[in-house]
Amino acid sequence: MYAIQVNSVSKKYNIYDRPTDRLKEILLRNKRLFHKEFWALTDISLNIERGDSVALIGPNGSGKSTLLQILAGVLQPTTGSLSVQGRTTAILELGAGFQPDYTGRENVILNGIILGIPEKEMLRRLDAIAEFAEIGDFFDQPIRTYSSGMVVRLAFAAMINVDPEILLVDEAMAVGDRRFQVKCLEKIQELRERGTTLLFVTHEPILCYDYCRSAVLLNGGKLMKQGTVQDVVPLYESLMSEEGVVAQKVFVPASV
């Protein structure tokens, strides 16, 4: 049974040289266009089996984060369709959804409710989340008083401790110090052994070999190969070592 199915998914952004160009298009009712098209993803199709652990790899700008955001429901594809079956948590831009004037405790409860977890259940999980985050008394202080490291610790702890059936991780392995990184990886390994479907973006081949059975290689917004780690990662390493390989420019749209 597949946990994730992606069918011919493409994602296009309209890029404007100046903010006023967008307004001109609206006023002219698109009779004249002032944008350039940027296809972050082109005709991506893949299936991920329930319980599989998959590394999503590729050069910078290859569309990895865009695909993960589409799977998480943060973005909608321009064309194509997808199916994600199971309670899904996504560790994308850690802490991006936190409300700065709410305490860490309040933000954790709010995030759980957004994920569809009852408040009573989140209350039972608070001690474990606070212990994992290791931020002490700051758990009951407003997020705006946190350091950036404390924010990502809390965000990771909140997302990893809600028993996800599908876990999406976008290069969030560099949270905190080395000891905390190891702790996070151990938790991910624990979830993997319990049957959680794992899909994470990484540039580190060693993480692919240590934590994943499968890999998906993207380049230039297109799917190059999907298969076992042993089949895909050497192709990625070869791609990155080839002289003259230039990834697409990384583009973060102001709005979709």
Protein backbone atom coordinates (compact mmCIF):
# COMPACT_ATOMS: atom_id res chain seq x y z
CA MET A 1 0.00 0.00 0.00
CA TYR A 2 1.28 3.44 -0.88
CA ALA A 3 1.50 6.20 1.73
CA ILE A 4 2.32 8.82 -0.91
CA GLN A 5 1.35 8.92 -4.57
CA VAL A 6 2.41 11.75 -6.87
CA ASN A 7 0.94 11.82 -10.37
CA SER A 8 2.45 14.12 -13.02
CA VAL A 9 2.87 17.01 -10.58
CA SER A 10 4.28 20.30 -11.88
CA LYS A 11 4.70 23.62 -10.10
CA LYS A 12 5.00 26.97 -11.87
CA TYR A 13 5.82 30.38 -10.46
CA ASN A 14 5.37 33.67 -12.25
CA ILE A 15 8.46 35.81 -11.74
CA TYR A 16 8.19 39.59 -12.01
CA ASP A 17 11.14 41.95 -12.40
CA ARG A 18 9.29 44.65 -10.45
CA PRO A 19 6.34 44.52 -8.03
CA THR A 20 4.43 46.96 -10.23
CA ASP A 21 4.50 44.46 -13.11
CA ARG A 22 2.06 42.23 -11.26
CA LEU A 23 -0.31 45.17 -10.83
CA LYS A 24 -0.02 46.03 -14.55
CA GLU A 25 -1.14 42.52 -15.49
CA ILE A 26 -4.16 42.79 -13.21
CA LEU A 27 -5.16 46.21 -14.56
CA LEU A 28 -4.73 45.03 -18.16
CA ARG A 29 -6.62 41.81 -17.36
CA ASN A 30 -3.67 39.72 -18.57
CA LYS A 31 -3.94 41.11 -22.10
CA ARG A 32 -0.24 41.86 -21.76
CA LEU A 33 2.08 39.76 -19.65
CA PHE A 34 5.00 41.11 -17.66
CA HIS A 35 6.23 37.91 -16.03
CA LYS A 36 8.54 35.04 -16.83
CA GLU A 37 7.53 31.47 -16.03
CA PHE A 38 9.64 29.41 -13.67
CA TRP A 39 8.84 25.70 -13.44
CA ALA A 40 10.16 24.51 -10.09
CA LEU A 41 8.84 21.00 -10.80
CA THR A 42 7.99 19.37 -14.12
CA ASP A 43 5.88 16.21 -14.46
CA ILE A 44 6.94 14.45 -11.24
CA SER A 45 5.45 10.99 -10.68
CA LEU A 46 6.46 8.71 -7.83
CA ASN A 47 5.03 6.26 -5.31
CA ILE A 48 6.27 5.76 -1.77
CA GLU A 49 5.23 2.64 0.09
CA ARG A 50 3.92 2.78 3.62
CA GLY A 51 6.77 2.37 6.10
CA ASP A 52 9.49 3.20 3.60
CA SER A 53 12.29 5.65 4.44
CA VAL A 54 13.21 7.79 1.46
CA ALA A 55 15.98 10.34 0.91
CA LEU A 56 15.06 13.21 -1.40
CA ILE A 57 18.32 14.37 -2.96
CA GLY A 58 19.55 16.65 -5.71
CA PRO A 59 21.50 19.88 -6.30
CA ASN A 60 20.35 23.16 -4.81
CA GLY A 61 17.36 24.48 -6.71
CA SER A 62 16.34 21.07 -8.04
CA GLY A 63 12.83 21.28 -6.53
CA LYS A 64 13.23 19.17 -3.40
CA SER A 65 11.78 21.67 -0.95
CA THR A 66 8.98 22.57 -3.35
CA LEU A 67 7.95 18.93 -3.62
CA LEU A 68 8.03 18.50 0.14
CA GLN A 69 5.88 21.61 0.63
CA ILE A 70 3.35 20.28 -1.87
CA LEU A 71 3.19 16.95 -0.03
CA ALA A 72 2.73 18.85 3.25
CA GLY A 73 -0.14 20.86 1.79
CA VAL A 74 1.71 24.17 2.12
CA LEU A 75 1.72 24.60 -1.67
CA GLN A 76 -0.70 23.45 -4.34
CA PRO A 77 0.60 21.97 -7.60
CA THR A 78 0.00 23.86 -10.83
CA THR A 79 -0.88 20.61 -12.59
CA GLY A 80 -1.13 16.97 -11.56
CA SER A 81 -2.49 15.27 -8.45
CA LEU A 82 -1.27 13.61 -5.30
CA SER A 83 -2.47 11.44 -2.43
CA VAL A 84 -1.00 11.40 1.08
CA GLN A 85 -2.55 8.77 3.37
CA GLY A 86 -1.98 9.05 7.12
CA ARG A 87 -1.30 11.58 9.87
CA THR A 88 1.41 13.74 8.41
CA THR A 89 3.82 16.07 10.17
CA ALA A 90 6.23 18.24 8.24
CA ILE A 91 9.45 19.72 9.57
CA LEU A 92 10.03 22.44 6.98
CA GLU A 93 11.04 25.93 8.07
CA LEU A 94 11.35 25.15 11.74
CA GLY A 95 9.34 27.54 13.88
CA ALA A 96 7.87 29.39 10.90
CA GLY A 97 4.32 28.82 12.14
CA PHE A 98 4.91 29.85 15.74
CA GLN A 99 3.11 32.90 17.13
CA PRO A 100 5.77 35.13 18.73
CA ASP A 101 3.55 36.42 21.56
CA TYR A 102 2.40 32.94 22.60
CA THR A 103 4.45 30.84 24.97
CA GLY A 104 6.20 27.70 23.81
CA ARG A 105 3.57 25.63 25.60
CA GLU A 106 0.72 27.48 23.88
CA ASN A 107 2.36 27.17 20.47
CA VAL A 108 2.87 23.43 20.89
CA ILE A 109 -0.80 22.92 21.79
CA LEU A 110 -1.91 25.11 18.88
CA ASN A 111 0.27 23.22 16.40
CA GLY A 112 -1.12 19.92 17.61
CA ILE A 113 -4.70 21.12 17.15
CA ILE A 114 -3.84 22.26 13.62
CA LEU A 115 -2.62 18.71 12.95
CA GLY A 116 -5.96 17.39 14.14
CA ILE A 117 -4.76 16.14 17.52
CA PRO A 118 -7.25 16.73 20.37
CA GLU A 119 -6.17 19.25 23.00
CA LYS A 120 -6.37 16.63 25.77
CA GLU A 121 -3.95 14.42 23.88
CA MET A 122 -1.55 17.31 23.33
CA LEU A 123 -1.67 18.13 27.04
CA ARG A 124 -0.57 14.56 27.79
CA ARG A 125 2.37 14.97 25.43
CA LEU A 126 3.61 18.31 26.76
CA ASP A 127 6.07 16.92 29.31
CA ALA A 128 7.74 14.70 26.70
CA ILE A 129 7.95 17.58 24.22
CA ALA A 130 9.40 19.97 26.81
CA GLU A 131 11.94 17.37 27.92
CA PHE A 132 13.00 16.69 24.32
CA ALA A 133 13.35 20.40 23.47
CA GLU A 134 15.62 21.07 26.47
CA ILE A 135 14.68 24.74 26.82
CA GLY A 136 13.88 24.69 30.54
CA ASP A 137 11.73 27.49 31.95
CA PHE A 138 11.55 29.16 28.54
CA PHE A 139 8.82 26.65 27.66
CA ASP A 140 6.42 29.03 29.43
CA GLN A 141 7.87 32.22 27.98
CA PRO A 142 6.82 33.98 24.73
CA ILE A 143 8.53 32.71 21.60
CA ARG A 144 9.83 36.24 20.90
CA THR A 145 12.19 35.82 23.87
CA TYR A 146 13.78 32.68 22.37
CA SER A 147 17.06 32.41 20.57
CA SER A 148 16.86 30.95 17.05
CA GLY A 149 18.34 27.71 18.38
CA MET A 150 15.65 27.41 21.02
CA VAL A 151 12.93 27.97 18.42
CA VAL A 152 14.14 25.15 16.19
CA ARG A 153 14.59 22.83 19.16
CA LEU A 154 11.00 23.37 20.24
CA ALA A 155 9.65 23.10 16.70
CA PHE A 156 11.46 19.81 16.12
CA ALA A 157 10.33 18.43 19.47
CA ALA A 158 6.72 19.41 18.80
CA MET A 159 6.58 17.77 15.38
CA ILE A 160 8.51 14.61 16.20
CA ASN A 161 6.56 13.68 19.34
CA VAL A 162 3.02 13.39 17.94
CA ASP A 163 3.29 9.84 16.52
CA PRO A 164 3.24 10.79 12.82
CA GLU A 165 2.39 8.13 10.29
CA ILE A 166 4.23 10.14 7.64
CA LEU A 167 7.16 12.40 8.50
CA LEU A 168 8.45 14.98 6.02
CA VAL A 169 11.77 16.60 6.91
CA ASP A 170 13.44 19.40 4.96
CA GLU A 171 17.11 19.66 5.92
CA ALA A 172 16.31 20.02 9.60
CA MET A 173 19.19 17.86 10.80
CA ALA A 174 21.32 20.86 11.81
CA VAL A 175 19.22 21.82 14.81
CA GLY A 176 21.16 22.76 17.91
CA ASP A 177 24.54 21.38 18.85
CA ARG A 178 26.02 18.07 17.76
CA ARG A 179 24.58 16.22 20.76
CA PHE A 180 21.07 17.46 19.97
CA GLN A 181 21.50 16.54 16.30
CA VAL A 182 22.32 12.98 17.32
CA LYS A 183 19.28 12.95 19.60
CA CYS A 184 17.05 14.05 16.70
CA LEU A 185 18.46 11.40 14.38
CA GLU A 186 17.95 8.74 17.04
CA LYS A 187 14.31 9.80 17.37
CA ILE A 188 13.86 9.62 13.59
CA GLN A 189 15.40 6.15 13.62
CA GLU A 190 12.98 5.13 16.37
CA LEU A 191 10.01 6.34 14.30
CA ARG A 192 11.38 4.53 11.25
CA GLU A 193 11.61 1.26 13.18
CA ARG A 194 8.00 1.72 14.33
CA GLY A 195 6.85 1.88 10.71
CA THR A 196 6.60 5.63 10.13
CA THR A 197 6.93 6.59 6.49
CA LEU A 198 9.91 8.94 6.24
CA LEU A 199 10.77 11.35 3.44
CA PHE A 200 13.57 13.78 4.07
CA VAL A 201 15.68 16.20 2.10
CA THR A 202 19.41 15.93 2.61
CA HIS A 203 22.69 16.68 0.90
CA GLU A 204 24.59 14.13 2.98
CA PRO A 205 25.06 10.71 1.33
CA ILE A 206 25.97 9.16 4.68
CA LEU A 207 22.52 10.03 6.06
CA CYS A 208 20.96 8.35 3.04
CA TYR A 209 22.85 5.12 3.67
CA ASP A 210 22.30 5.17 7.44
CA TYR A 211 18.63 6.09 7.61
CA CYS A 212 16.99 5.30 4.27
CA ARG A 213 16.13 2.29 2.13
CA SER A 214 15.14 4.29 -0.95
CA ALA A 215 16.09 7.54 -2.64
CA VAL A 216 14.61 9.98 -5.13
CA LEU A 217 16.94 12.13 -7.23
CA LEU A 218 15.73 15.43 -8.63
CA ASN A 219 17.62 17.79 -10.91
CA GLY A 220 16.35 20.88 -12.67
CA GLY A 221 12.86 20.26 -11.36
CA LYS A 222 12.68 16.82 -12.99
CA LEU A 223 12.80 13.29 -11.61
CA MET A 224 16.07 11.65 -12.62
CA LYS A 225 15.79 8.37 -10.74
CA GLN A 226 13.90 6.58 -7.98
CA GLY A 227 15.19 3.36 -6.48
CA THR A 228 17.31 1.92 -3.71
CA VAL A 229 19.84 4.10 -1.94
CA GLN A 230 22.61 1.96 -3.42
CA ASP A 231 21.36 2.66 -6.95
CA VAL A 232 20.50 6.35 -6.63
CA VAL A 233 23.07 7.94 -4.31
CA PRO A 234 26.11 7.10 -6.52
CA LEU A 235 24.32 8.83 -9.40
CA TYR A 236 23.81 11.90 -7.20
CA GLU A 237 27.46 11.90 -6.15
CA SER A 238 28.53 11.61 -9.78
CA LEU A 239 26.21 14.45 -10.73
CA MET A 240 27.62 16.71 -8.04
CA SER A 241 31.21 15.95 -8.97
CA GLU A 242 30.82 16.56 -12.69
CA GLU A 243 32.56 19.69 -13.81
CA GLY A 244 30.23 22.35 -15.09
CA VAL A 245 27.04 21.13 -13.40
CA VAL A 246 24.98 24.20 -12.57
CA ALA A 247 21.78 23.88 -10.55
CA GLN A 248 18.83 26.11 -11.17
CA LYS A 249 18.88 29.36 -9.28
CA VAL A 250 17.11 29.00 -5.97
CA PHE A 251 13.91 31.02 -6.07
CA VAL A 252 11.73 31.76 -3.08
CA PRO A 253 8.55 33.51 -4.24
CA ALA A 254 7.13 36.33 -2.17
CA SER A 255 3.67 34.94 -2.83
CA VAL A 256 2.16 32.05 -4.72
